[in-house]
Amino acid sequence: MSFFKPSADPVSNKNVARLQALIWVLIYGGLLTLVLGLSMERLDDAIGWSMVVIGGIIAVIGFVLIYVRSRINVGP
C-alpha cells in the first residue's frame, strides 16, 4: 500500500504532494518573515516594512495555492 498510487489523470499524486509541501513552506516562511519584519521595524523602519510586505505577499501566495489545490482533480 503506497501513498503514490498511479492514476489515469494528468495530475500525478507526486505533483500534488509537492504542491502541498510548497504551500506550507510559503505560508510558514511568509508569516515568519512578516513577524521578523515587525520586530526589525524598531531598528530600521525601511527594512522592517519591506520585510513585512514581502512576508505578507509570500503568505498570501501560499493561501491562494490552497484554493488552487482544492480545485485540482486527482483520481481515486
C-alpha atoms as a PDB file:
ATOM      1  CA  MET A   1       0.000   0.000   0.000  1.00  0.00           C
ATOM      2  CA  SER A   2       1.754   3.082  -1.260  1.00  0.00           C
ATOM      3  CA  PHE A   3       0.924   6.751  -0.942  1.00  0.00           C
ATOM      4  CA  PHE A   4       1.895   7.400  -4.584  1.00  0.00           C
ATOM      5  CA  LYS A   5      -0.565   5.167  -6.422  1.00  0.00           C
ATOM      6  CA  PRO A   6      -0.619   5.526 -10.215  1.00  0.00           C
ATOM      7  CA  SER A   7      -3.687   7.231 -11.657  1.00  0.00           C
ATOM      8  CA  ALA A   8      -5.072   7.791 -15.134  1.00  0.00           C
ATOM      9  CA  ASP A   9      -5.486  11.540 -14.567  1.00  0.00           C
ATOM     10  CA  PRO A  10      -2.927  14.004 -15.968  1.00  0.00           C
ATOM     11  CA  VAL A  11      -2.181  15.280 -12.451  1.00  0.00           C
ATOM     12  CA  SER A  12       0.030  12.902 -10.535  1.00  0.00           C
ATOM     13  CA  ASN A  13      -0.067  12.406  -6.804  1.00  0.00           C
ATOM     14  CA  LYS A  14       3.624  13.311  -6.597  1.00  0.00           C
ATOM     15  CA  ASN A  15       2.893  16.734  -8.056  1.00  0.00           C
ATOM     16  CA  VAL A  16       0.064  17.261  -5.579  1.00  0.00           C
ATOM     17  CA  ALA A  17       2.326  16.246  -2.689  1.00  0.00           C
ATOM     18  CA  ARG A  18       4.980  18.704  -3.882  1.00  0.00           C
ATOM     19  CA  LEU A  19       2.348  21.431  -4.174  1.00  0.00           C
ATOM     20  CA  GLN A  20       1.150  20.774  -0.631  1.00  0.00           C
ATOM     21  CA  ALA A  21       4.708  20.948   0.682  1.00  0.00           C
ATOM     22  CA  LEU A  22       5.283  24.205  -1.211  1.00  0.00           C
ATOM     23  CA  ILE A  23       2.065  25.649   0.214  1.00  0.00           C
ATOM     24  CA  TRP A  24       3.155  25.100   3.811  1.00  0.00           C
ATOM     25  CA  VAL A  25       6.670  26.369   3.189  1.00  0.00           C
ATOM     26  CA  LEU A  26       5.266  29.566   1.662  1.00  0.00           C
ATOM     27  CA  ILE A  27       2.751  30.116   4.456  1.00  0.00           C
ATOM     28  CA  TYR A  28       5.117  29.485   7.346  1.00  0.00           C
ATOM     29  CA  GLY A  29       8.051  31.240   5.678  1.00  0.00           C
ATOM     30  CA  GLY A  30       5.923  34.251   4.817  1.00  0.00           C
ATOM     31  CA  LEU A  31       4.489  34.559   8.300  1.00  0.00           C
ATOM     32  CA  LEU A  32       7.926  34.160   9.872  1.00  0.00           C
ATOM     33  CA  THR A  33       9.319  36.892   7.615  1.00  0.00           C
ATOM     34  CA  LEU A  34       6.356  39.106   8.478  1.00  0.00           C
ATOM     35  CA  VAL A  35       6.918  38.703  12.223  1.00  0.00           C
ATOM     36  CA  LEU A  36      10.667  39.257  11.886  1.00  0.00           C
ATOM     37  CA  GLY A  37       9.901  42.393   9.895  1.00  0.00           C
ATOM     38  CA  LEU A  38       7.672  43.668  12.682  1.00  0.00           C
ATOM     39  CA  SER A  39      10.456  43.182  15.208  1.00  0.00           C
ATOM     40  CA  MET A  40      13.055  44.606  12.821  1.00  0.00           C
ATOM     41  CA  GLU A  41      10.939  47.713  12.366  1.00  0.00           C
ATOM     42  CA  ARG A  42      12.183  49.052  15.724  1.00  0.00           C
ATOM     43  CA  LEU A  43      15.772  49.137  14.457  1.00  0.00           C
ATOM     44  CA  ASP A  44      15.270  50.230  10.851  1.00  0.00           C
ATOM     45  CA  ASP A  45      11.887  51.363   9.597  1.00  0.00           C
ATOM     46  CA  ALA A  46      12.522  50.805   5.880  1.00  0.00           C
ATOM     47  CA  ILE A  47      13.906  47.270   6.235  1.00  0.00           C
ATOM     48  CA  GLY A  48      11.170  46.338   8.691  1.00  0.00           C
ATOM     49  CA  TRP A  49       8.315  47.431   6.464  1.00  0.00           C
ATOM     50  CA  SER A  50       9.850  45.825   3.379  1.00  0.00           C
ATOM     51  CA  MET A  51      10.130  42.521   5.277  1.00  0.00           C
ATOM     52  CA  VAL A  52       6.516  42.846   6.441  1.00  0.00           C
ATOM     53  CA  VAL A  53       5.289  43.469   2.900  1.00  0.00           C
ATOM     54  CA  ILE A  54       7.378  40.688   1.348  1.00  0.00           C
ATOM     55  CA  GLY A  55       6.364  38.213   4.068  1.00  0.00           C
ATOM     56  CA  GLY A  56       2.718  39.128   3.669  1.00  0.00           C
ATOM     57  CA  ILE A  57       2.852  38.649  -0.098  1.00  0.00           C
ATOM     58  CA  ILE A  58       4.548  35.254   0.270  1.00  0.00           C
ATOM     59  CA  ALA A  59       1.952  34.114   2.821  1.00  0.00           C
ATOM     60  CA  VAL A  60      -0.914  35.283   0.593  1.00  0.00           C
ATOM     61  CA  ILE A  61       0.563  33.303  -2.312  1.00  0.00           C
ATOM     62  CA  GLY A  62       0.537  30.236  -0.067  1.00  0.00           C
ATOM     63  CA  PHE A  63      -3.104  30.818   0.851  1.00  0.00           C
ATOM     64  CA  VAL A  64      -4.050  31.267  -2.814  1.00  0.00           C
ATOM     65  CA  LEU A  65      -2.315  27.985  -3.609  1.00  0.00           C
ATOM     66  CA  ILE A  66      -4.590  26.282  -1.072  1.00  0.00           C
ATOM     67  CA  TYR A  67      -7.518  27.348  -3.247  1.00  0.00           C
ATOM     68  CA  VAL A  68      -5.710  26.154  -6.380  1.00  0.00           C
ATOM     69  CA  ARG A  69      -5.043  22.794  -4.693  1.00  0.00           C
ATOM     70  CA  SER A  70      -8.727  22.443  -3.819  1.00  0.00           C
ATOM     71  CA  ARG A  71      -9.625  22.798  -7.497  1.00  0.00           C
ATOM     72  CA  ILE A  72      -7.237  20.086  -8.722  1.00  0.00           C
ATOM     73  CA  ASN A  73      -8.936  16.786  -9.511  1.00  0.00           C
ATOM     74  CA  VAL A  74      -6.906  13.781  -8.512  1.00  0.00           C
ATOM     75  CA  GLY A  75      -8.158  10.363  -9.491  1.00  0.00           C
ATOM     76  CA  PRO A  76      -9.384   7.790  -6.957  1.00  0.00           C
END
